[in-house]
Amino acid sequence: NILKSKKITVKQLQELFGFEYPQAVYSWLNGRTLPSIDNFLKL
């Protein structure tokens, strides 16, 4: 919901985090995993 309200896409997050694939971001959004504390800080 935050990403939608700020008009930030999964693709943009993927690029900002330097992930090769978007699966990590989708995993966060689906609640399968949580970002590491470093990634939470970056978020």
All heavy atoms as atom14 arrays in JSON, in Angstrom:
{
  "sequence": "NILKSKKITVKQLQELFGFEYPQAVYSWLNGRTLPSIDNFLKL",
  "atom14_mask": [
    [1, 1, 1, 1, 1, 1, 1, 1, 0, 0, 0, 0, 0, 0],
    [1, 1, 1, 1, 1, 1, 1, 1, 0, 0, 0, 0, 0, 0],
    [1, 1, 1, 1, 1, 1, 1, 1, 0, 0, 0, 0, 0, 0],
    [1, 1, 1, 1, 1, 1, 1, 1, 1, 0, 0, 0, 0, 0],
    [1, 1, 1, 1, 1, 1, 0, 0, 0, 0, 0, 0, 0, 0],
    [1, 1, 1, 1, 1, 1, 1, 1, 1, 0, 0, 0, 0, 0],
    [1, 1, 1, 1, 1, 1, 1, 1, 1, 0, 0, 0, 0, 0],
    [1, 1, 1, 1, 1, 1, 1, 1, 0, 0, 0, 0, 0, 0],
    [1, 1, 1, 1, 1, 1, 1, 0, 0, 0, 0, 0, 0, 0],
    [1, 1, 1, 1, 1, 1, 1, 0, 0, 0, 0, 0, 0, 0],
    [1, 1, 1, 1, 1, 1, 1, 1, 1, 0, 0, 0, 0, 0],
    [1, 1, 1, 1, 1, 1, 1, 1, 1, 0, 0, 0, 0, 0],
    [1, 1, 1, 1, 1, 1, 1, 1, 0, 0, 0, 0, 0, 0],
    [1, 1, 1, 1, 1, 1, 1, 1, 1, 0, 0, 0, 0, 0],
    [1, 1, 1, 1, 1, 1, 1, 1, 1, 0, 0, 0, 0, 0],
    [1, 1, 1, 1, 1, 1, 1, 1, 0, 0, 0, 0, 0, 0],
    [1, 1, 1, 1, 1, 1, 1, 1, 1, 1, 1, 0, 0, 0],
    [1, 1, 1, 1, 0, 0, 0, 0, 0, 0, 0, 0, 0, 0],
    [1, 1, 1, 1, 1, 1, 1, 1, 1, 1, 1, 0, 0, 0],
    [1, 1, 1, 1, 1, 1, 1, 1, 1, 0, 0, 0, 0, 0],
    [1, 1, 1, 1, 1, 1, 1, 1, 1, 1, 1, 1, 0, 0],
    [1, 1, 1, 1, 1, 1, 1, 0, 0, 0, 0, 0, 0, 0],
    [1, 1, 1, 1, 1, 1, 1, 1, 1, 0, 0, 0, 0, 0],
    [1, 1, 1, 1, 1, 0, 0, 0, 0, 0, 0, 0, 0, 0],
    [1, 1, 1, 1, 1, 1, 1, 0, 0, 0, 0, 0, 0, 0],
    [1, 1, 1, 1, 1, 1, 1, 1, 1, 1, 1, 1, 0, 0],
    [1, 1, 1, 1, 1, 1, 0, 0, 0, 0, 0, 0, 0, 0],
    [1, 1, 1, 1, 1, 1, 1, 1, 1, 1, 1, 1, 1, 1],
    [1, 1, 1, 1, 1, 1, 1, 1, 0, 0, 0, 0, 0, 0],
    [1, 1, 1, 1, 1, 1, 1, 1, 0, 0, 0, 0, 0, 0],
    [1, 1, 1, 1, 0, 0, 0, 0, 0, 0, 0, 0, 0, 0],
    [1, 1, 1, 1, 1, 1, 1, 1, 1, 1, 1, 0, 0, 0],
    [1, 1, 1, 1, 1, 1, 1, 0, 0, 0, 0, 0, 0, 0],
    [1, 1, 1, 1, 1, 1, 1, 1, 0, 0, 0, 0, 0, 0],
    [1, 1, 1, 1, 1, 1, 1, 0, 0, 0, 0, 0, 0, 0],
    [1, 1, 1, 1, 1, 1, 0, 0, 0, 0, 0, 0, 0, 0],
    [1, 1, 1, 1, 1, 1, 1, 1, 0, 0, 0, 0, 0, 0],
    [1, 1, 1, 1, 1, 1, 1, 1, 0, 0, 0, 0, 0, 0],
    [1, 1, 1, 1, 1, 1, 1, 1, 0, 0, 0, 0, 0, 0],
    [1, 1, 1, 1, 1, 1, 1, 1, 1, 1, 1, 0, 0, 0],
    [1, 1, 1, 1, 1, 1, 1, 1, 0, 0, 0, 0, 0, 0],
    [1, 1, 1, 1, 1, 1, 1, 1, 1, 0, 0, 0, 0, 0],
    [1, 1, 1, 1, 1, 1, 1, 1, 0, 0, 0, 0, 0, 0]
  ],
  "atom14_positions": [
    [[0.82, -1.21, 0.0], [0.0, 0.0, 0.0], [0.85, 1.26, 0.0], [0.52, 2.24, -0.68], [-0.95, 0.01, 1.2], [-2.04, -1.03, 1.07], [-2.43, -1.42, -0.03], [-2.54, -1.5, 2.2], [0.0, 0.0, 0.0], [0.0, 0.0, 0.0], [0.0, 0.0, 0.0], [0.0, 0.0, 0.0], [0.0, 0.0, 0.0], [0.0, 0.0, 0.0]],
    [[1.94, 1.24, 0.75], [2.85, 2.39, 0.79], [3.46, 2.63, -0.59], [3.51, 3.76, -1.08], [3.96, 2.19, 1.85], [3.35, 2.18, 3.26], [5.03, 3.25, 1.72], [4.3, 1.68, 4.34], [0.0, 0.0, 0.0], [0.0, 0.0, 0.0], [0.0, 0.0, 0.0], [0.0, 0.0, 0.0], [0.0, 0.0, 0.0], [0.0, 0.0, 0.0]],
    [[3.91, 1.54, -1.23], [4.5, 1.68, -2.57], [3.5, 2.26, -3.55], [3.84, 3.14, -4.35], [5.02, 0.33, -3.06], [6.2, -0.27, -2.31], [6.54, -1.65, -2.86], [7.41, 0.65, -2.36], [0.0, 0.0, 0.0], [0.0, 0.0, 0.0], [0.0, 0.0, 0.0], [0.0, 0.0, 0.0], [0.0, 0.0, 0.0], [0.0, 0.0, 0.0]],
    [[2.26, 1.77, -3.49], [1.22, 2.3, -4.39], [0.99, 3.78, -4.14], [0.89, 4.57, -5.08], [-0.09, 1.53, -4.21], [-0.07, 0.16, -4.82], [-1.35, -0.6, -4.55], [-1.2, -2.06, -4.96], [-2.27, -2.9, -4.47], [0.0, 0.0, 0.0], [0.0, 0.0, 0.0], [0.0, 0.0, 0.0], [0.0, 0.0, 0.0], [0.0, 0.0, 0.0]],
    [[0.9, 4.17, -2.87], [0.63, 5.57, -2.54], [1.78, 6.48, -2.97], [1.57, 7.65, -3.31], [0.34, 5.75, -1.05], [1.53, 5.61, -0.3], [0.0, 0.0, 0.0], [0.0, 0.0, 0.0], [0.0, 0.0, 0.0], [0.0, 0.0, 0.0], [0.0, 0.0, 0.0], [0.0, 0.0, 0.0], [0.0, 0.0, 0.0], [0.0, 0.0, 0.0]],
    [[3.0, 5.94, -2.99], [4.16, 6.73, -3.39], [4.52, 6.52, -4.86], [5.54, 7.04, -5.33], [5.35, 6.42, -2.49], [5.11, 6.87, -1.05], [6.34, 6.68, -0.19], [6.12, 7.21, 1.2], [6.35, 8.62, 1.34], [0.0, 0.0, 0.0], [0.0, 0.0, 0.0], [0.0, 0.0, 0.0], [0.0, 0.0, 0.0], [0.0, 0.0, 0.0]],
    [[3.7, 5.7, -5.54], [3.91, 5.42, -6.96], [5.32, 4.85, -7.25], [6.0, 5.26, -8.19], [3.63, 6.66, -7.81], [2.19, 7.12, -7.73], [1.95, 8.34, -8.58], [0.52, 8.81, -8.64], [-0.35, 8.67, -7.56], [0.0, 0.0, 0.0], [0.0, 0.0, 0.0], [0.0, 0.0, 0.0], [0.0, 0.0, 0.0], [0.0, 0.0, 0.0]],
    [[5.71, 3.9, -6.4], [6.98, 3.2, -6.57], [6.67, 1.78, -7.01], [5.88, 1.1, -6.37], [7.8, 3.2, -5.27], [8.15, 4.64, -4.86], [9.08, 2.37, -5.42], [8.81, 4.76, -3.5], [0.0, 0.0, 0.0], [0.0, 0.0, 0.0], [0.0, 0.0, 0.0], [0.0, 0.0, 0.0], [0.0, 0.0, 0.0], [0.0, 0.0, 0.0]],
    [[7.29, 1.34, -8.1], [7.02, 0.0, -8.63], [8.0, -1.03, -8.06], [9.06, -0.67, -7.53], [7.14, -0.01, -10.16], [8.52, 0.24, -10.51], [6.23, 1.02, -10.81], [0.0, 0.0, 0.0], [0.0, 0.0, 0.0], [0.0, 0.0, 0.0], [0.0, 0.0, 0.0], [0.0, 0.0, 0.0], [0.0, 0.0, 0.0], [0.0, 0.0, 0.0]],
    [[7.64, -2.29, -8.2], [8.53, -3.39, -7.8], [9.82, -3.3, -8.61], [10.91, -3.48, -8.07], [7.83, -4.75, -8.0], [8.82, -5.89, -7.85], [6.68, -4.91, -7.02], [0.0, 0.0, 0.0], [0.0, 0.0, 0.0], [0.0, 0.0, 0.0], [0.0, 0.0, 0.0], [0.0, 0.0, 0.0], [0.0, 0.0, 0.0], [0.0, 0.0, 0.0]],
    [[9.7, -3.0, -9.88], [10.87, -2.87, -10.75], [11.82, -1.78, -10.24], [13.04, -1.96, -10.21], [10.42, -2.56, -12.19], [11.53, -2.38, -13.18], [12.17, -3.68, -13.55], [13.16, -3.49, -14.68], [14.05, -4.63, -14.79], [0.0, 0.0, 0.0], [0.0, 0.0, 0.0], [0.0, 0.0, 0.0], [0.0, 0.0, 0.0], [0.0, 0.0, 0.0]],
    [[11.25, -0.65, -9.81], [12.09, 0.42, -9.27], [12.8, -0.02, -8.0], [13.99, 0.25, -7.83], [11.24, 1.67, -9.0], [10.79, 2.37, -10.26], [9.76, 3.45, -9.98], [8.86, 3.28, -9.16], [9.9, 4.58, -10.65], [0.0, 0.0, 0.0], [0.0, 0.0, 0.0], [0.0, 0.0, 0.0], [0.0, 0.0, 0.0], [0.0, 0.0, 0.0]],
    [[12.07, -0.7, -7.1], [12.71, -1.21, -5.87], [13.8, -2.21, -6.2], [14.89, -2.17, -5.62], [11.68, -1.87, -4.95], [11.0, -1.02, -3.9], [10.23, -1.9, -2.94], [11.94, -0.12, -3.15], [0.0, 0.0, 0.0], [0.0, 0.0, 0.0], [0.0, 0.0, 0.0], [0.0, 0.0, 0.0], [0.0, 0.0, 0.0], [0.0, 0.0, 0.0]],
    [[13.51, -3.09, -7.14], [14.5, -4.08, -7.56], [15.79, -3.38, -7.99], [16.89, -3.77, -7.58], [13.94, -4.91, -8.71], [14.93, -5.86, -9.33], [14.44, -6.46, -10.64], [13.25, -6.45, -10.94], [15.35, -6.96, -11.44], [0.0, 0.0, 0.0], [0.0, 0.0, 0.0], [0.0, 0.0, 0.0], [0.0, 0.0, 0.0], [0.0, 0.0, 0.0]],
    [[15.65, -2.33, -8.78], [16.82, -1.6, -9.26], [17.53, -0.85, -8.13], [18.77, -0.86, -8.05], [16.41, -0.64, -10.38], [16.0, -1.36, -11.64], [15.37, -0.44, -12.69], [15.18, 0.76, -12.42], [15.04, -0.97, -13.78], [0.0, 0.0, 0.0], [0.0, 0.0, 0.0], [0.0, 0.0, 0.0], [0.0, 0.0, 0.0], [0.0, 0.0, 0.0]],
    [[16.76, -0.23, -7.24], [17.35, 0.51, -6.12], [18.15, -0.4, -5.19], [19.16, 0.0, -4.62], [16.27, 1.25, -5.34], [15.66, 2.47, -6.04], [14.4, 2.92, -5.31], [16.67, 3.6, -6.11], [0.0, 0.0, 0.0], [0.0, 0.0, 0.0], [0.0, 0.0, 0.0], [0.0, 0.0, 0.0], [0.0, 0.0, 0.0], [0.0, 0.0, 0.0]],
    [[17.67, -1.65, -5.04], [18.36, -2.6, -4.17], [19.45, -3.38, -4.91], [20.21, -4.11, -4.31], [17.36, -3.58, -3.54], [16.66, -3.0, -2.34], [15.46, -2.34, -2.48], [17.22, -3.1, -1.07], [14.82, -1.78, -1.38], [16.58, -2.56, 0.03], [15.38, -1.9, -0.13], [0.0, 0.0, 0.0], [0.0, 0.0, 0.0], [0.0, 0.0, 0.0]],
    [[19.47, -3.25, -6.24], [20.48, -3.96, -7.03], [20.21, -5.44, -7.16], [21.15, -6.23, -7.38], [0.0, 0.0, 0.0], [0.0, 0.0, 0.0], [0.0, 0.0, 0.0], [0.0, 0.0, 0.0], [0.0, 0.0, 0.0], [0.0, 0.0, 0.0], [0.0, 0.0, 0.0], [0.0, 0.0, 0.0], [0.0, 0.0, 0.0], [0.0, 0.0, 0.0]],
    [[18.94, -5.83, -7.04], [18.58, -7.24, -7.19], [18.52, -7.59, -8.68], [17.98, -6.82, -9.47], [17.21, -7.54, -6.56], [17.13, -7.32, -5.08], [15.93, -6.94, -4.5], [18.23, -7.5, -4.25], [15.83, -6.74, -3.13], [18.14, -7.3, -2.89], [16.93, -6.92, -2.32], [0.0, 0.0, 0.0], [0.0, 0.0, 0.0], [0.0, 0.0, 0.0]],
    [[19.03, -8.76, -9.03], [18.97, -9.2, -10.42], [17.53, -9.53, -10.83], [17.13, -9.26, -11.97], [19.86, -10.42, -10.62], [20.01, -10.83, -12.07], [21.04, -11.93, -12.27], [21.74, -12.31, -11.32], [21.11, -12.43, -13.4], [0.0, 0.0, 0.0], [0.0, 0.0, 0.0], [0.0, 0.0, 0.0], [0.0, 0.0, 0.0], [0.0, 0.0, 0.0]],
    [[16.78, -10.09, -9.91], [15.39, -10.48, -10.17], [14.48, -9.87, -9.1], [14.93, -9.6, -7.98], [15.24, -12.01, -10.15], [16.12, -12.69, -11.18], [17.29, -13.33, -10.79], [15.78, -12.67, -12.53], [18.11, -13.94, -11.73], [16.59, -13.28, -13.48], [17.75, -13.91, -13.08], [18.55, -14.51, -14.01], [0.0, 0.0, 0.0], [0.0, 0.0, 0.0]],
    [[13.19, -9.7, -9.39], [12.28, -9.06, -8.44], [11.72, -9.99, -7.36], [10.96, -9.55, -6.52], [11.15, -8.55, -9.34], [11.09, -9.54, -10.45], [12.54, -9.92, -10.7], [0.0, 0.0, 0.0], [0.0, 0.0, 0.0], [0.0, 0.0, 0.0], [0.0, 0.0, 0.0], [0.0, 0.0, 0.0], [0.0, 0.0, 0.0], [0.0, 0.0, 0.0]],
    [[12.1, -11.26, -7.36], [11.49, -12.22, -6.43], [11.62, -11.81, -4.97], [10.7, -12.04, -4.18], [12.08, -13.63, -6.63], [11.49, -14.38, -7.78], [12.09, -13.98, -9.13], [12.96, -13.12, -9.22], [11.62, -14.61, -10.19], [0.0, 0.0, 0.0], [0.0, 0.0, 0.0], [0.0, 0.0, 0.0], [0.0, 0.0, 0.0], [0.0, 0.0, 0.0]],
    [[12.74, -11.22, -4.58], [12.92, -10.83, -3.18], [11.86, -9.79, -2.79], [11.25, -9.9, -1.72], [14.31, -10.26, -2.94], [0.0, 0.0, 0.0], [0.0, 0.0, 0.0], [0.0, 0.0, 0.0], [0.0, 0.0, 0.0], [0.0, 0.0, 0.0], [0.0, 0.0, 0.0], [0.0, 0.0, 0.0], [0.0, 0.0, 0.0], [0.0, 0.0, 0.0]],
    [[11.62, -8.83, -3.67], [10.63, -7.8, -3.37], [9.24, -8.42, -3.3], [8.47, -8.14, -2.38], [10.66, -6.67, -4.43], [9.58, -5.63, -4.14], [12.04, -6.0, -4.46], [0.0, 0.0, 0.0], [0.0, 0.0, 0.0], [0.0, 0.0, 0.0], [0.0, 0.0, 0.0], [0.0, 0.0, 0.0], [0.0, 0.0, 0.0], [0.0, 0.0, 0.0]],
    [[8.91, -9.29, -4.25], [7.6, -9.96, -4.21], [7.45, -10.81, -2.95], [6.36, -10.9, -2.38], [7.39, -10.83, -5.46], [7.04, -10.03, -6.69], [7.87, -10.04, -7.8], [5.89, -9.25, -6.74], [7.56, -9.3, -8.94], [5.57, -8.5, -7.87], [6.41, -8.54, -8.96], [6.1, -7.8, -10.07], [0.0, 0.0, 0.0], [0.0, 0.0, 0.0]],
    [[8.53, -11.42, -2.52], [8.5, -12.23, -1.29], [8.17, -11.36, -0.09], [7.42, -11.77, 0.8], [9.85, -12.93, -1.12], [9.8, -13.81, -0.04], [0.0, 0.0, 0.0], [0.0, 0.0, 0.0], [0.0, 0.0, 0.0], [0.0, 0.0, 0.0], [0.0, 0.0, 0.0], [0.0, 0.0, 0.0], [0.0, 0.0, 0.0], [0.0, 0.0, 0.0]],
    [[8.72, -10.13, -0.05], [8.38, -9.19, 1.02], [6.9, -8.81, 0.95], [6.21, -8.81, 1.95], [9.19, -7.91, 0.91], [10.67, -8.04, 0.99], [11.39, -9.11, 1.47], [11.63, -7.07, 0.59], [12.73, -8.85, 1.38], [12.91, -7.61, 0.84], [11.53, -5.8, 0.04], [14.08, -6.9, 0.56], [12.69, -5.1, -0.24], [13.95, -5.65, 0.02]],
    [[6.44, -8.49, -0.26], [5.06, -8.03, -0.43], [4.04, -9.1, -0.1], [2.93, -8.8, 0.34], [4.85, -7.5, -1.86], [5.71, -6.3, -2.26], [5.45, -5.93, -3.71], [5.47, -5.11, -1.35], [0.0, 0.0, 0.0], [0.0, 0.0, 0.0], [0.0, 0.0, 0.0], [0.0, 0.0, 0.0], [0.0, 0.0, 0.0], [0.0, 0.0, 0.0]],
    [[4.42, -10.36, -0.34], [3.51, -11.48, -0.05], [3.65, -11.99, 1.38], [2.91, -12.88, 1.79], [3.75, -12.62, -1.03], [3.33, -12.25, -2.43], [2.32, -11.57, -2.63], [4.1, -12.67, -3.42], [0.0, 0.0, 0.0], [0.0, 0.0, 0.0], [0.0, 0.0, 0.0], [0.0, 0.0, 0.0], [0.0, 0.0, 0.0], [0.0, 0.0, 0.0]],
    [[4.59, -11.43, 2.14], [4.76, -11.83, 3.53], [5.46, -13.16, 3.71], [5.44, -13.73, 4.8], [0.0, 0.0, 0.0], [0.0, 0.0, 0.0], [0.0, 0.0, 0.0], [0.0, 0.0, 0.0], [0.0, 0.0, 0.0], [0.0, 0.0, 0.0], [0.0, 0.0, 0.0], [0.0, 0.0, 0.0], [0.0, 0.0, 0.0], [0.0, 0.0, 0.0]],
    [[6.09, -13.67, 2.66], [6.83, -14.93, 2.79], [8.13, -14.71, 3.55], [8.6, -15.59, 4.27], [7.09, -15.55, 1.42], [5.85, -16.16, 0.78], [6.19, -17.0, -0.44], [6.9, -16.24, -1.47], [6.32, -15.57, -2.45], [5.0, -15.56, -2.55], [7.04, -14.92, -3.34], [0.0, 0.0, 0.0], [0.0, 0.0, 0.0], [0.0, 0.0, 0.0]],
    [[8.74, -13.54, 3.33], [9.95, -13.18, 4.06], [9.87, -11.7, 4.43], [9.04, -10.96, 3.9], [11.23, -13.39, 3.21], [11.19, -12.51, 2.09], [11.39, -14.82, 2.77], [0.0, 0.0, 0.0], [0.0, 0.0, 0.0], [0.0, 0.0, 0.0], [0.0, 0.0, 0.0], [0.0, 0.0, 0.0], [0.0, 0.0, 0.0], [0.0, 0.0, 0.0]],
    [[10.72, -11.31, 5.34], [10.87, -9.9, 5.69], [12.24, -9.43, 5.2], [13.18, -10.23, 5.14], [10.79, -9.71, 7.21], [9.43, -9.96, 7.83], [9.56, -10.03, 9.34], [8.46, -8.84, 7.43], [0.0, 0.0, 0.0], [0.0, 0.0, 0.0], [0.0, 0.0, 0.0], [0.0, 0.0, 0.0], [0.0, 0.0, 0.0], [0.0, 0.0, 0.0]],
    [[12.37, -8.15, 4.88], [13.69, -7.65, 4.51], [14.65, -7.78, 5.68], [14.24, -7.76, 6.85], [13.42, -6.16, 4.2], [11.96, -6.05, 3.96], [11.33, -7.12, 4.78], [0.0, 0.0, 0.0], [0.0, 0.0, 0.0], [0.0, 0.0, 0.0], [0.0, 0.0, 0.0], [0.0, 0.0, 0.0], [0.0, 0.0, 0.0], [0.0, 0.0, 0.0]],
    [[15.92, -7.91, 5.38], [16.94, -7.89, 6.43], [16.9, -6.51, 7.09], [16.32, -5.57, 6.54], [18.33, -8.13, 5.83], [18.69, -7.02, 5.01], [0.0, 0.0, 0.0], [0.0, 0.0, 0.0], [0.0, 0.0, 0.0], [0.0, 0.0, 0.0], [0.0, 0.0, 0.0], [0.0, 0.0, 0.0], [0.0, 0.0, 0.0], [0.0, 0.0, 0.0]],
    [[17.52, -6.38, 8.23], [17.52, -5.08, 8.91], [18.21, -4.03, 8.05], [17.76, -2.87, 8.0], [18.14, -5.17, 10.33], [17.85, -3.9, 11.12], [19.62, -5.45, 10.26], [16.41, -3.68, 11.45], [0.0, 0.0, 0.0], [0.0, 0.0, 0.0], [0.0, 0.0, 0.0], [0.0, 0.0, 0.0], [0.0, 0.0, 0.0], [0.0, 0.0, 0.0]],
    [[19.24, -4.41, 7.32], [19.9, -3.47, 6.4], [18.93, -3.0, 5.31], [18.89, -1.82, 4.98], [21.13, -4.11, 5.74], [22.26, -4.39, 6.71], [22.28, -3.77, 7.8], [23.12, -5.22, 6.39], [0.0, 0.0, 0.0], [0.0, 0.0, 0.0], [0.0, 0.0, 0.0], [0.0, 0.0, 0.0], [0.0, 0.0, 0.0], [0.0, 0.0, 0.0]],
    [[18.18, -3.95, 4.77], [17.22, -3.6, 3.72], [16.04, -2.8, 4.27], [15.51, -1.94, 3.59], [16.76, -4.83, 2.96], [17.83, -5.36, 2.02], [18.74, -4.63, 1.65], [17.72, -6.61, 1.65], [0.0, 0.0, 0.0], [0.0, 0.0, 0.0], [0.0, 0.0, 0.0], [0.0, 0.0, 0.0], [0.0, 0.0, 0.0], [0.0, 0.0, 0.0]],
    [[15.64, -3.09, 5.51], [14.59, -2.28, 6.14], [15.06, -0.83, 6.29], [14.32, 0.11, 6.05], [14.19, -2.82, 7.51], [12.88, -3.57, 7.51], [12.81, -4.86, 7.98], [11.72, -2.98, 7.03], [11.62, -5.55, 7.98], [10.52, -3.66, 7.02], [10.47, -4.95, 7.49], [0.0, 0.0, 0.0], [0.0, 0.0, 0.0], [0.0, 0.0, 0.0]],
    [[16.32, -0.67, 6.69], [16.86, 0.67, 6.84], [16.88, 1.39, 5.49], [16.49, 2.56, 5.4], [18.27, 0.58, 7.43], [18.92, 1.9, 7.83], [18.06, 2.66, 8.82], [20.28, 1.64, 8.42], [0.0, 0.0, 0.0], [0.0, 0.0, 0.0], [0.0, 0.0, 0.0], [0.0, 0.0, 0.0], [0.0, 0.0, 0.0], [0.0, 0.0, 0.0]],
    [[17.29, 0.68, 4.45], [17.3, 1.27, 3.11], [15.88, 1.61, 2.66], [15.64, 2.67, 2.09], [17.98, 0.32, 2.13], [18.27, 0.94, 0.79], [19.17, 0.06, -0.04], [19.49, 0.73, -1.36], [20.45, -0.03, -2.16], [0.0, 0.0, 0.0], [0.0, 0.0, 0.0], [0.0, 0.0, 0.0], [0.0, 0.0, 0.0], [0.0, 0.0, 0.0]],
    [[14.92, 0.71, 2.93], [13.51, 0.98, 2.59], [13.02, 2.25, 3.28], [12.33, 3.06, 2.67], [12.63, -0.19, 3.03], [12.28, -1.27, 2.04], [11.47, -2.37, 2.73], [11.55, -0.74, 0.83], [0.0, 0.0, 0.0], [0.0, 0.0, 0.0], [0.0, 0.0, 0.0], [0.0, 0.0, 0.0], [0.0, 0.0, 0.0], [0.0, 0.0, 0.0]]
  ]
}
